Amino acid sequence: MRKDNLMLLALLGLSLAVLFSLFLTNSAKIDSIYDVVFESVALAVVVYIYVIAKSVILSSKKLHIGIIILIFTSVYDIITELKTLDDIADTYELFDTMIEDGFRQVATCSLRLELRT
């Protein structure tokens, strides 16, 4: 893929993430608009990295698992900003913390282990 196309894809992804987060904040009760915007942008960045490095990522099981877990935790972070889902997550705080923080640490370890070898 050409460099110009990749930059266009990155801009499009970030724009869609911001638009999605703004749509979400206007259509539902959320805890923090800022969290939704930043977490949506973080998700767009992780998906962008996956798209541009797909061949390298798919060649390594550890990288692939790490990126998939990062995408999952990013989506989870966004949807738990919805007030109703946040209340449910607060009921099961240990489970919520394991998904948000524990899985992100597992993903980071998976990525670091692969990059070291």
PDB file of N, CA and C in Angstrom:
ATOM      1  N   MET A   1       0.846  -1.171   0.000  1.00  0.00           N
ATOM      2  CA  MET A   1       0.000   0.000   0.000  1.00  0.00           C
ATOM      3  C   MET A   1       0.897   1.242   0.000  1.00  0.00           C
ATOM      4  N   ARG A   2       0.541   2.219  -0.795  1.00  0.00           N
ATOM      5  CA  ARG A   2       1.339   3.437  -0.878  1.00  0.00           C
ATOM      6  C   ARG A   2       1.237   4.262   0.396  1.00  0.00           C
ATOM      7  N   LYS A   3       2.264   5.040   0.650  1.00  0.00           N
ATOM      8  CA  LYS A   3       2.317   5.855   1.858  1.00  0.00           C
ATOM      9  C   LYS A   3       1.171   6.865   1.906  1.00  0.00           C
ATOM     10  N   ASP A   4       0.818   7.441   0.749  1.00  0.00           N
ATOM     11  CA  ASP A   4      -0.289   8.396   0.700  1.00  0.00           C
ATOM     12  C   ASP A   4      -1.603   7.733   1.101  1.00  0.00           C
ATOM     13  N   ASN A   5      -1.808   6.522   0.616  1.00  0.00           N
ATOM     14  CA  ASN A   5      -3.039   5.794   0.951  1.00  0.00           C
ATOM     15  C   ASN A   5      -3.096   5.451   2.435  1.00  0.00           C
ATOM     16  N   LEU A   6      -1.953   5.120   3.010  1.00  0.00           N
ATOM     17  CA  LEU A   6      -1.915   4.792   4.434  1.00  0.00           C
ATOM     18  C   LEU A   6      -2.237   6.016   5.293  1.00  0.00           C
ATOM     19  N   MET A   7      -1.710   7.164   4.907  1.00  0.00           N
ATOM     20  CA  MET A   7      -2.004   8.382   5.664  1.00  0.00           C
ATOM     21  C   MET A   7      -3.481   8.744   5.544  1.00  0.00           C
ATOM     22  N   LEU A   8      -4.034   8.567   4.356  1.00  0.00           N
ATOM     23  CA  LEU A   8      -5.457   8.822   4.148  1.00  0.00           C
ATOM     24  C   LEU A   8      -6.293   7.866   4.981  1.00  0.00           C
ATOM     25  N   LEU A   9      -5.887   6.608   5.021  1.00  0.00           N
ATOM     26  CA  LEU A   9      -6.583   5.609   5.833  1.00  0.00           C
ATOM     27  C   LEU A   9      -6.514   5.970   7.319  1.00  0.00           C
ATOM     28  N   ALA A  10      -5.376   6.443   7.772  1.00  0.00           N
ATOM     29  CA  ALA A  10      -5.216   6.839   9.170  1.00  0.00           C
ATOM     30  C   ALA A  10      -6.127   8.018   9.506  1.00  0.00           C
ATOM     31  N   LEU A  11      -6.135   9.013   8.652  1.00  0.00           N
ATOM     32  CA  LEU A  11      -7.004  10.173   8.875  1.00  0.00           C
ATOM     33  C   LEU A  11      -8.471   9.778   8.868  1.00  0.00           C
ATOM     34  N   LEU A  12      -8.846   8.918   7.946  1.00  0.00           N
ATOM     35  CA  LEU A  12     -10.228   8.450   7.870  1.00  0.00           C
ATOM     36  C   LEU A  12     -10.608   7.678   9.131  1.00  0.00           C
ATOM     37  N   GLY A  13      -9.725   6.796   9.584  1.00  0.00           N
ATOM     38  CA  GLY A  13      -9.996   6.019  10.792  1.00  0.00           C
ATOM     39  C   GLY A  13     -10.154   6.889  12.021  1.00  0.00           C
ATOM     40  N   LEU A  14      -9.259   7.852  12.184  1.00  0.00           N
ATOM     41  CA  LEU A  14      -9.348   8.746  13.338  1.00  0.00           C
ATOM     42  C   LEU A  14     -10.606   9.609  13.263  1.00  0.00           C
ATOM     43  N   SER A  15     -10.941  10.069  12.055  1.00  0.00           N
ATOM     44  CA  SER A  15     -12.156  10.873  11.889  1.00  0.00           C
ATOM     45  C   SER A  15     -13.399  10.061  12.218  1.00  0.00           C
ATOM     46  N   LEU A  16     -13.438   8.822  11.738  1.00  0.00           N
ATOM     47  CA  LEU A  16     -14.581   7.954  12.044  1.00  0.00           C
ATOM     48  C   LEU A  16     -14.675   7.672  13.541  1.00  0.00           C
ATOM     49  N   ALA A  17     -13.537   7.507  14.186  1.00  0.00           N
ATOM     50  CA  ALA A  17     -13.538   7.254  15.630  1.00  0.00           C
ATOM     51  C   ALA A  17     -14.116   8.448  16.383  1.00  0.00           C
ATOM     52  N   VAL A  18     -13.706   9.641  16.005  1.00  0.00           N
ATOM     53  CA  VAL A  18     -14.225  10.837  16.672  1.00  0.00           C
ATOM     54  C   VAL A  18     -15.713  11.013  16.377  1.00  0.00           C
ATOM     55  N   LEU A  19     -16.116  10.815  15.116  1.00  0.00           N
ATOM     56  CA  LEU A  19     -17.539  10.931  14.770  1.00  0.00           C
ATOM     57  C   LEU A  19     -18.389   9.900  15.514  1.00  0.00           C
ATOM     58  N   PHE A  20     -17.878   8.670  15.597  1.00  0.00           N
ATOM     59  CA  PHE A  20     -18.593   7.627  16.326  1.00  0.00           C
ATOM     60  C   PHE A  20     -18.744   8.004  17.787  1.00  0.00           C
ATOM     61  N   SER A  21     -17.675   8.503  18.373  1.00  0.00           N
ATOM     62  CA  SER A  21     -17.739   8.857  19.795  1.00  0.00           C
ATOM     63  C   SER A  21     -18.693  10.028  20.024  1.00  0.00           C
ATOM     64  N   LEU A  22     -18.705  10.994  19.107  1.00  0.00           N
ATOM     65  CA  LEU A  22     -19.630  12.113  19.248  1.00  0.00           C
ATOM     66  C   LEU A  22     -21.081  11.656  19.065  1.00  0.00           C
ATOM     67  N   PHE A  23     -21.310  10.755  18.114  1.00  0.00           N
ATOM     68  CA  PHE A  23     -22.646  10.192  17.925  1.00  0.00           C
ATOM     69  C   PHE A  23     -23.084   9.448  19.180  1.00  0.00           C
ATOM     70  N   LEU A  24     -22.181   8.676  19.741  1.00  0.00           N
ATOM     71  CA  LEU A  24     -22.492   7.902  20.938  1.00  0.00           C
ATOM     72  C   LEU A  24     -22.827   8.815  22.107  1.00  0.00           C
ATOM     73  N   THR A  25     -22.101   9.895  22.245  1.00  0.00           N
ATOM     74  CA  THR A  25     -22.349  10.795  23.370  1.00  0.00           C
ATOM     75  C   THR A  25     -23.673  11.534  23.220  1.00  0.00           C
ATOM     76  N   ASN A  26     -24.110  11.766  21.995  1.00  0.00           N
ATOM     77  CA  ASN A  26     -25.386  12.450  21.781  1.00  0.00           C
ATOM     78  C   ASN A  26     -26.582  11.516  21.859  1.00  0.00           C
ATOM     79  N   SER A  27     -26.374  10.223  21.651  1.00  0.00           N
ATOM     80  CA  SER A  27     -27.501   9.299  21.594  1.00  0.00           C
ATOM     81  C   SER A  27     -27.668   8.457  22.855  1.00  0.00           C
ATOM     82  N   ALA A  28     -26.742   8.514  23.774  1.00  0.00           N
ATOM     83  CA  ALA A  28     -26.831   7.676  24.966  1.00  0.00           C
ATOM     84  C   ALA A  28     -26.215   8.406  26.159  1.00  0.00           C
ATOM     85  N   LYS A  29     -26.594   7.968  27.345  1.00  0.00           N
ATOM     86  CA  LYS A  29     -25.988   8.524  28.552  1.00  0.00           C
ATOM     87  C   LYS A  29     -24.629   7.866  28.746  1.00  0.00           C
ATOM     88  N   ILE A  30     -23.611   8.705  28.865  1.00  0.00           N
ATOM     89  CA  ILE A  30     -22.267   8.178  29.061  1.00  0.00           C
ATOM     90  C   ILE A  30     -21.640   8.820  30.287  1.00  0.00           C
ATOM     91  N   ASP A  31     -20.616   8.158  30.808  1.00  0.00           N
ATOM     92  CA  ASP A  31     -19.915   8.683  31.977  1.00  0.00           C
ATOM     93  C   ASP A  31     -19.046   9.879  31.627  1.00  0.00           C
ATOM     94  N   SER A  32     -18.251   9.758  30.559  1.00  0.00           N
ATOM     95  CA  SER A  32     -17.316  10.833  30.221  1.00  0.00           C
ATOM     96  C   SER A  32     -17.148  10.928  28.714  1.00  0.00           C
ATOM     97  N   ILE A  33     -17.466  12.075  28.165  1.00  0.00           N
ATOM     98  CA  ILE A  33     -17.293  12.286  26.718  1.00  0.00           C
ATOM     99  C   ILE A  33     -15.816  12.209  26.346  1.00  0.00           C
ATOM    100  N   TYR A  34     -14.953  12.681  27.228  1.00  0.00           N
ATOM    101  CA  TYR A  34     -13.527  12.681  26.938  1.00  0.00           C
ATOM    102  C   TYR A  34     -12.975  11.263  26.868  1.00  0.00           C
ATOM    103  N   ASP A  35     -13.421  10.395  27.771  1.00  0.00           N
ATOM    104  CA  ASP A  35     -12.996   8.997  27.718  1.00  0.00           C
ATOM    105  C   ASP A  35     -13.426   8.341  26.417  1.00  0.00           C
ATOM    106  N   VAL A  36     -14.649   8.607  25.994  1.00  0.00           N
ATOM    107  CA  VAL A  36     -15.151   8.004  24.760  1.00  0.00           C
ATOM    108  C   VAL A  36     -14.330   8.471  23.563  1.00  0.00           C
ATOM    109  N   VAL A  37     -14.042   9.763  23.502  1.00  0.00           N
ATOM    110  CA  VAL A  37     -13.259  10.289  22.373  1.00  0.00           C
ATOM    111  C   VAL A  37     -11.861   9.685  22.371  1.00  0.00           C
ATOM    112  N   PHE A  38     -11.163   9.726  23.497  1.00  0.00           N
ATOM    113  CA  PHE A  38      -9.793   9.223  23.535  1.00  0.00           C
ATOM    114  C   PHE A  38      -9.720   7.712  23.346  1.00  0.00           C
ATOM    115  N   GLU A  39     -10.664   6.980  23.900  1.00  0.00           N
ATOM    116  CA  GLU A  39     -10.661   5.531  23.730  1.00  0.00           C
ATOM    117  C   GLU A  39     -11.023   5.142  22.304  1.00  0.00           C
ATOM    118  N   SER A  40     -11.884   5.926  21.655  1.00  0.00           N
ATOM    119  CA  SER A  40     -12.205   5.669  20.242  1.00  0.00           C
ATOM    120  C   SER A  40     -10.996   5.923  19.355  1.00  0.00           C
ATOM    121  N   VAL A  41     -10.268   6.981  19.654  1.00  0.00           N
ATOM    122  CA  VAL A  41      -9.058   7.279  18.884  1.00  0.00           C
ATOM    123  C   VAL A  41      -8.008   6.190  19.129  1.00  0.00           C
ATOM    124  N   ALA A  42      -7.876   5.730  20.363  1.00  0.00           N
ATOM    125  CA  ALA A  42      -6.929   4.651  20.668  1.00  0.00           C
ATOM    126  C   ALA A  42      -7.287   3.386  19.890  1.00  0.00           C
ATOM    127  N   LEU A  43      -8.574   3.077  19.818  1.00  0.00           N
ATOM    128  CA  LEU A  43      -9.022   1.916  19.041  1.00  0.00           C
ATOM    129  C   LEU A  43      -8.680   2.106  17.565  1.00  0.00           C
ATOM    130  N   ALA A  44      -8.906   3.292  17.038  1.00  0.00           N
ATOM    131  CA  ALA A  44      -8.587   3.555  15.627  1.00  0.00           C
ATOM    132  C   ALA A  44      -7.092   3.387  15.364  1.00  0.00           C
ATOM    133  N   VAL A  45      -6.264   3.812  16.298  1.00  0.00           N
ATOM    134  CA  VAL A  45      -4.814   3.678  16.132  1.00  0.00           C
ATOM    135  C   VAL A  45      -4.404   2.201  16.137  1.00  0.00           C
ATOM    136  N   VAL A  46      -4.962   1.412  17.041  1.00  0.00           N
ATOM    137  CA  VAL A  46      -4.631  -0.016  17.099  1.00  0.00           C
ATOM    138  C   VAL A  46      -5.091  -0.721  15.820  1.00  0.00           C
ATOM    139  N   VAL A  47      -6.295  -0.397  15.351  1.00  0.00           N
ATOM    140  CA  VAL A  47      -6.786  -0.997  14.104  1.00  0.00           C
ATOM    141  C   VAL A  47      -5.923  -0.559  12.925  1.00  0.00           C
ATOM    142  N   TYR A  48      -5.497   0.689  12.913  1.00  0.00           N
ATOM    143  CA  TYR A  48      -4.613   1.180  11.854  1.00  0.00           C
ATOM    144  C   TYR A  48      -3.291   0.415  11.849  1.00  0.00           C
ATOM    145  N   ILE A  49      -2.712   0.223  13.026  1.00  0.00           N
ATOM    146  CA  ILE A  49      -1.464  -0.549  13.122  1.00  0.00           C
ATOM    147  C   ILE A  49      -1.685  -1.959  12.598  1.00  0.00           C
ATOM    148  N   TYR A  50      -2.815  -2.542  12.950  1.00  0.00           N
ATOM    149  CA  TYR A  50      -3.129  -3.891  12.471  1.00  0.00           C
ATOM    150  C   TYR A  50      -3.220  -3.909  10.945  1.00  0.00           C
ATOM    151  N   VAL A  51      -3.871  -2.913  10.367  1.00  0.00           N
ATOM    152  CA  VAL A  51      -4.051  -2.876   8.911  1.00  0.00           C
ATOM    153  C   VAL A  51      -2.716  -2.700   8.186  1.00  0.00           C
ATOM    154  N   ILE A  52      -1.889  -1.776   8.655  1.00  0.00           N
ATOM    155  CA  ILE A  52      -0.642  -1.507   7.922  1.00  0.00           C
ATOM    156  C   ILE A  52       0.408  -2.598   8.132  1.00  0.00           C
ATOM    157  N   ALA A  53       0.321  -3.314   9.238  1.00  0.00           N
ATOM    158  CA  ALA A  53       1.324  -4.347   9.517  1.00  0.00           C
ATOM    159  C   ALA A  53       0.708  -5.743   9.510  1.00  0.00           C
ATOM    160  N   LYS A  54      -0.388  -5.908   8.794  1.00  0.00           N
ATOM    161  CA  LYS A  54      -1.144  -7.162   8.822  1.00  0.00           C
ATOM    162  C   LYS A  54      -0.301  -8.385   8.453  1.00  0.00           C
ATOM    163  N   SER A  55       0.510  -8.278   7.428  1.00  0.00           N
ATOM    164  CA  SER A  55       1.289  -9.447   7.009  1.00  0.00           C
ATOM    165  C   SER A  55       2.292  -9.865   8.083  1.00  0.00           C
ATOM    166  N   VAL A  56       2.918  -8.893   8.737  1.00  0.00           N
ATOM    167  CA  VAL A  56       3.872  -9.206   9.808  1.00  0.00           C
ATOM    168  C   VAL A  56       3.129  -9.754  11.024  1.00  0.00           C
ATOM    169  N   ILE A  57       2.014  -9.129  11.359  1.00  0.00           N
ATOM    170  CA  ILE A  57       1.245  -9.549  12.532  1.00  0.00           C
ATOM    171  C   ILE A  57       0.695 -10.957  12.353  1.00  0.00           C
ATOM    172  N   LEU A  58       0.172 -11.259  11.174  1.00  0.00           N
ATOM    173  CA  LEU A  58      -0.397 -12.584  10.936  1.00  0.00           C
ATOM    174  C   LEU A  58       0.668 -13.670  10.881  1.00  0.00           C
ATOM    175  N   SER A  59       1.915 -13.289  10.618  1.00  0.00           N
ATOM    176  CA  SER A  59       2.989 -14.280  10.573  1.00  0.00           C
ATOM    177  C   SER A  59       3.431 -14.711  11.974  1.00  0.00           C
ATOM    178  N   SER A  60       3.012 -13.980  12.982  1.00  0.00           N
ATOM    179  CA  SER A  60       3.401 -14.286  14.357  1.00  0.00           C
ATOM    180  C   SER A  60       2.152 -14.470  15.225  1.00  0.00           C
ATOM    181  N   LYS A  61       2.038 -15.622  15.817  1.00  0.00           N
ATOM    182  CA  LYS A  61       0.875 -15.905  16.653  1.00  0.00           C
ATOM    183  C   LYS A  61       0.808 -14.974  17.866  1.00  0.00           C
ATOM    184  N   LYS A  62       1.953 -14.692  18.487  1.00  0.00           N
ATOM    185  CA  LYS A  62       1.977 -13.820  19.665  1.00  0.00           C
ATOM    186  C   LYS A  62       1.554 -12.399  19.321  1.00  0.00           C
ATOM    187  N   LEU A  63       2.058 -11.872  18.205  1.00  0.00           N
ATOM    188  CA  LEU A  63       1.655 -10.531  17.781  1.00  0.00           C
ATOM    189  C   LEU A  63       0.168 -10.487  17.455  1.00  0.00           C
ATOM    190  N   HIS A  64      -0.310 -11.515  16.757  1.00  0.00           N
ATOM    191  CA  HIS A  64      -1.714 -11.554  16.371  1.00  0.00           C
ATOM    192  C   HIS A  64      -2.617 -11.607  17.604  1.00  0.00           C
ATOM    193  N   ILE A  65      -2.288 -12.452  18.550  1.00  0.00           N
ATOM    194  CA  ILE A  65      -3.085 -12.550  19.783  1.00  0.00           C
ATOM    195  C   ILE A  65      -3.026 -11.234  20.557  1.00  0.00           C
ATOM    196  N   GLY A  66      -1.843 -10.631  20.652  1.00  0.00           N
ATOM    197  CA  GLY A  66      -1.689  -9.370  21.371  1.00  0.00           C
ATOM    198  C   GLY A  66      -2.533  -8.252  20.772  1.00  0.00           C
ATOM    199  N   ILE A  67      -2.519  -8.126  19.455  1.00  0.00           N
ATOM    200  CA  ILE A  67      -3.300  -7.073  18.794  1.00  0.00           C
ATOM    201  C   ILE A  67      -4.794  -7.338  18.945  1.00  0.00           C
ATOM    202  N   ILE A  68      -5.225  -8.570  18.801  1.00  0.00           N
ATOM    203  CA  ILE A  68      -6.649  -8.901  18.954  1.00  0.00           C
ATOM    204  C   ILE A  68      -7.113  -8.578  20.373  1.00  0.00           C
ATOM    205  N   ILE A  69      -6.304  -8.902  21.368  1.00  0.00           N
ATOM    206  CA  ILE A  69      -6.667  -8.582  22.756  1.00  0.00           C
ATOM    207  C   ILE A  69      -6.738  -7.061  22.950  1.00  0.00           C
ATOM    208  N   LEU A  70      -5.796  -6.318  22.372  1.00  0.00           N
ATOM    209  CA  LEU A  70      -5.840  -4.855  22.468  1.00  0.00           C
ATOM    210  C   LEU A  70      -7.102  -4.286  21.829  1.00  0.00           C
ATOM    211  N   ILE A  71      -7.498  -4.830  20.691  1.00  0.00           N
ATOM    212  CA  ILE A  71      -8.731  -4.379  20.038  1.00  0.00           C
ATOM    213  C   ILE A  71      -9.930  -4.696  20.927  1.00  0.00           C
ATOM    214  N   PHE A  72      -9.963  -5.906  21.470  1.00  0.00           N
ATOM    215  CA  PHE A  72     -11.074  -6.303  22.347  1.00  0.00           C
ATOM    216  C   PHE A  72     -11.173  -5.390  23.572  1.00  0.00           C
ATOM    217  N   THR A  73     -10.048  -5.128  24.232  1.00  0.00           N
ATOM    218  CA  THR A  73     -10.095  -4.287  25.433  1.00  0.00           C
ATOM    219  C   THR A  73     -10.458  -2.843  25.093  1.00  0.00           C
ATOM    220  N   SER A  74     -10.033  -2.371  23.928  1.00  0.00           N
ATOM    221  CA  SER A  74     -10.404  -1.011  23.509  1.00  0.00           C
ATOM    222  C   SER A  74     -11.905  -0.901  23.271  1.00  0.00           C
ATOM    223  N   VAL A  75     -12.478  -1.905  22.605  1.00  0.00           N
ATOM    224  CA  VAL A  75     -13.928  -1.914  22.385  1.00  0.00           C
ATOM    225  C   VAL A  75     -14.657  -2.003  23.719  1.00  0.00           C
ATOM    226  N   TYR A  76     -14.160  -2.838  24.615  1.00  0.00           N
ATOM    227  CA  TYR A  76     -14.764  -2.975  25.938  1.00  0.00           C
ATOM    228  C   TYR A  76     -14.719  -1.639  26.695  1.00  0.00           C
ATOM    229  N   ASP A  77     -13.585  -0.948  26.626  1.00  0.00           N
ATOM    230  CA  ASP A  77     -13.465   0.369  27.279  1.00  0.00           C
ATOM    231  C   ASP A  77     -14.508   1.348  26.755  1.00  0.00           C
ATOM    232  N   ILE A  78     -14.732   1.326  25.463  1.00  0.00           N
ATOM    233  CA  ILE A  78     -15.701   2.252  24.860  1.00  0.00           C
ATOM    234  C   ILE A  78     -17.123   1.905  25.282  1.00  0.00           C
ATOM    235  N   ILE A  79     -17.497   0.635  25.186  1.00  0.00           N
ATOM    236  CA  ILE A  79     -18.895   0.293  25.481  1.00  0.00           C
ATOM    237  C   ILE A  79     -19.218   0.397  26.963  1.00  0.00           C
ATOM    238  N   THR A  80     -18.220   0.267  27.818  1.00  0.00           N
ATOM    239  CA  THR A  80     -18.505   0.413  29.249  1.00  0.00           C
ATOM    240  C   THR A  80     -18.581   1.876  29.676  1.00  0.00           C
ATOM    241  N   GLU A  81     -18.399   2.794  28.752  1.00  0.00           N
ATOM    242  CA  GLU A  81     -18.654   4.202  29.049  1.00  0.00           C
ATOM    243  C   GLU A  81     -20.152   4.503  29.016  1.00  0.00           C
ATOM    244  N   LEU A  82     -20.924   3.633  28.374  1.00  0.00           N
ATOM    245  CA  LEU A  82     -22.380   3.775  28.411  1.00  0.00           C
ATOM    246  C   LEU A  82     -22.842   3.566  29.842  1.00  0.00           C
ATOM    247  N   LYS A  83     -23.657   4.444  30.343  1.00  0.00           N
ATOM    248  CA  LYS A  83     -24.053   4.441  31.755  1.00  0.00           C
ATOM    249  C   LYS A  83     -24.632   3.095  32.192  1.00  0.00           C
ATOM    250  N   THR A  84     -25.526   2.524  31.398  1.00  0.00           N
ATOM    251  CA  THR A  84     -26.148   1.251  31.766  1.00  0.00           C
ATOM    252  C   THR A  84     -25.114   0.140  31.875  1.00  0.00           C
ATOM    253  N   LEU A  85     -24.231   0.049  30.876  1.00  0.00           N
ATOM    254  CA  LEU A  85     -23.208  -0.999  30.908  1.00  0.00           C
ATOM    255  C   LEU A  85     -22.161  -0.731  31.980  1.00  0.00           C
ATOM    256  N   ASP A  86     -21.902   0.536  32.259  1.00  0.00           N
ATOM    257  CA  ASP A  86     -20.959   0.883  33.321  1.00  0.00           C
ATOM    258  C   ASP A  86     -21.504   0.452  34.686  1.00  0.00           C
ATOM    259  N   ASP A  87     -22.808   0.618  34.881  1.00  0.00           N
ATOM    260  CA  ASP A  87     -23.418   0.175  36.141  1.00  0.00           C
ATOM    261  C   ASP A  87     -23.294  -1.334  36.305  1.00  0.00           C
ATOM    262  N   ILE A  88     -23.492  -2.072  35.214  1.00  0.00           N
ATOM    263  CA  ILE A  88     -23.347  -3.534  35.271  1.00  0.00           C
ATOM    264  C   ILE A  88     -21.893  -3.897  35.559  1.00  0.00           C
ATOM    265  N   ALA A  89     -20.960  -3.226  34.877  1.00  0.00           N
ATOM    266  CA  ALA A  89     -19.536  -3.499  35.093  1.00  0.00           C
ATOM    267  C   ALA A  89     -19.124  -3.182  36.526  1.00  0.00           C
ATOM    268  N   ASP A  90     -19.694  -2.122  37.095  1.00  0.00           N
ATOM    269  CA  ASP A  90     -19.381  -1.774  38.485  1.00  0.00           C
ATOM    270  C   ASP A  90     -19.860  -2.840  39.459  1.00  0.00           C
ATOM    271  N   THR A  91     -20.923  -3.547  39.105  1.00  0.00           N
ATOM    272  CA  THR A  91     -21.419  -4.633  39.946  1.00  0.00           C
ATOM    273  C   THR A  91     -20.404  -5.764  40.029  1.00  0.00           C
ATOM    274  N   TYR A  92     -19.703  -5.993  38.932  1.00  0.00           N
ATOM    275  CA  TYR A  92     -18.688  -7.051  38.859  1.00  0.00           C
ATOM    276  C   TYR A  92     -17.317  -6.406  38.668  1.00  0.00           C
ATOM    277  N   GLU A  93     -16.887  -5.660  39.666  1.00  0.00           N
ATOM    278  CA  GLU A  93     -15.688  -4.835  39.547  1.00  0.00           C
ATOM    279  C   GLU A  93     -14.418  -5.644  39.275  1.00  0.00           C
ATOM    280  N   LEU A  94     -14.276  -6.804  39.908  1.00  0.00           N
ATOM    281  CA  LEU A  94     -13.080  -7.622  39.671  1.00  0.00           C
ATOM    282  C   LEU A  94     -13.029  -8.082  38.218  1.00  0.00           C
ATOM    283  N   PHE A  95     -14.143  -8.569  37.716  1.00  0.00           N
ATOM    284  CA  PHE A  95     -14.220  -9.009  36.331  1.00  0.00           C
ATOM    285  C   PHE A  95     -13.935  -7.844  35.378  1.00  0.00           C
ATOM    286  N   ASP A  96     -14.516  -6.685  35.676  1.00  0.00           N
ATOM    287  CA  ASP A  96     -14.313  -5.485  34.863  1.00  0.00           C
ATOM    288  C   ASP A  96     -12.839  -5.078  34.849  1.00  0.00           C
ATOM    289  N   THR A  97     -12.201  -5.091  35.990  1.00  0.00           N
ATOM    290  CA  THR A  97     -10.789  -4.722  36.081  1.00  0.00           C
ATOM    291  C   THR A  97      -9.904  -5.729  35.351  1.00  0.00           C
ATOM    292  N   MET A  98     -10.264  -7.010  35.457  1.00  0.00           N
ATOM    293  CA  MET A  98      -9.488  -8.030  34.749  1.00  0.00           C
ATOM    294  C   MET A  98      -9.560  -7.821  33.240  1.00  0.00           C
ATOM    295  N   ILE A  99     -10.736  -7.461  32.736  1.00  0.00           N
ATOM    296  CA  ILE A  99     -10.865  -7.230  31.294  1.00  0.00           C
ATOM    297  C   ILE A  99     -10.121  -5.961  30.890  1.00  0.00           C
ATOM    298  N   GLU A 100     -10.368  -4.859  31.594  1.00  0.00           N
ATOM    299  CA  GLU A 100      -9.768  -3.581  31.202  1.00  0.00           C
ATOM    300  C   GLU A 100      -8.254  -3.567  31.373  1.00  0.00           C
ATOM    301  N   ASP A 101      -7.777  -3.954  32.535  1.00  0.00           N
ATOM    302  CA  ASP A 101      -6.354  -3.819  32.829  1.00  0.00           C
ATOM    303  C   ASP A 101      -5.584  -5.125  32.646  1.00  0.00           C
ATOM    304  N   GLY A 102      -6.154  -6.206  33.093  1.00  0.00           N
ATOM    305  CA  GLY A 102      -5.460  -7.497  33.022  1.00  0.00           C
ATOM    306  C   GLY A 102      -5.222  -7.948  31.591  1.00  0.00           C
ATOM    307  N   PHE A 103      -6.245  -7.864  30.754  1.00  0.00           N
ATOM    308  CA  PHE A 103      -6.081  -8.270  29.358  1.00  0.00           C
ATOM    309  C   PHE A 103      -5.110  -7.356  28.625  1.00  0.00           C
ATOM    310  N   ARG A 104      -5.120  -6.072  28.964  1.00  0.00           N
ATOM    311  CA  ARG A 104      -4.182  -5.145  28.320  1.00  0.00           C
ATOM    312  C   ARG A 104      -2.745  -5.517  28.700  1.00  0.00           C
ATOM    313  N   GLN A 105      -2.526  -5.928  29.946  1.00  0.00           N
ATOM    314  CA  GLN A 105      -1.191  -6.352  30.358  1.00  0.00           C
ATOM    315  C   GLN A 105      -0.788  -7.647  29.662  1.00  0.00           C
ATOM    316  N   VAL A 106      -1.745  -8.571  29.499  1.00  0.00           N
ATOM    317  CA  VAL A 106      -1.464  -9.814  28.778  1.00  0.00           C
ATOM    318  C   VAL A 106      -1.087  -9.495  27.328  1.00  0.00           C
ATOM    319  N   ALA A 107      -1.835  -8.579  26.709  1.00  0.00           N
ATOM    320  CA  ALA A 107      -1.541  -8.189  25.327  1.00  0.00           C
ATOM    321  C   ALA A 107      -0.154  -7.565  25.224  1.00  0.00           C
ATOM    322  N   THR A 108       0.170  -6.690  26.151  1.00  0.00           N
ATOM    323  CA  THR A 108       1.475  -6.030  26.145  1.00  0.00           C
ATOM    324  C   THR A 108       2.595  -7.061  26.309  1.00  0.00           C
ATOM    325  N   CYS A 109       2.414  -8.001  27.213  1.00  0.00           N
ATOM    326  CA  CYS A 109       3.417  -9.059  27.402  1.00  0.00           C
ATOM    327  C   CYS A 109       3.571  -9.901  26.145  1.00  0.00           C
ATOM    328  N   SER A 110       2.454 -10.227  25.514  1.00  0.00           N
ATOM    329  CA  SER A 110       2.488 -11.007  24.285  1.00  0.00           C
ATOM    330  C   SER A 110       3.268 -10.278  23.194  1.00  0.00           C
ATOM    331  N   LEU A 111       3.017  -8.988  23.062  1.00  0.00           N
ATOM    332  CA  LEU A 111       3.723  -8.199  22.048  1.00  0.00           C
ATOM    333  C   LEU A 111       5.208  -8.075  22.378  1.00  0.00           C
ATOM    334  N   ARG A 112       5.516  -7.834  23.647  1.00  0.00           N
ATOM    335  CA  ARG A 112       6.922  -7.680  24.047  1.00  0.00           C
ATOM    336  C   ARG A 112       7.698  -8.976  23.882  1.00  0.00           C
ATOM    337  N   LEU A 113       7.068 -10.098  24.244  1.00  0.00           N
ATOM    338  CA  LEU A 113       7.757 -11.384  24.099  1.00  0.00           C
ATOM    339  C   LEU A 113       8.094 -11.658  22.647  1.00  0.00           C
ATOM    340  N   GLU A 114       7.183 -11.337  21.756  1.00  0.00           N
ATOM    341  CA  GLU A 114       7.454 -11.576  20.327  1.00  0.00           C
ATOM    342  C   GLU A 114       8.523 -10.635  19.803  1.00  0.00           C
ATOM    343  N   LEU A 115       8.505  -9.398  20.239  1.00  0.00           N
ATOM    344  CA  LEU A 115       9.479  -8.439  19.736  1.00  0.00           C
ATOM    345  C   LEU A 115      10.887  -8.713  20.268  1.00  0.00           C
ATOM    346  N   ARG A 116      10.984  -9.406  21.389  1.00  0.00           N
ATOM    347  CA  ARG A 116      12.301  -9.739  21.955  1.00  0.00           C
ATOM    348  C   ARG A 116      12.969 -10.871  21.192  1.00  0.00           C
ATOM    349  N   THR A 117      12.151 -11.758  20.607  1.00  0.00           N
ATOM    350  CA  THR A 117      12.732 -12.931  19.943  1.00  0.00           C
ATOM    351  C   THR A 117      13.131 -12.669  18.518  1.00  0.00           C
TER     352      THR A 117
END
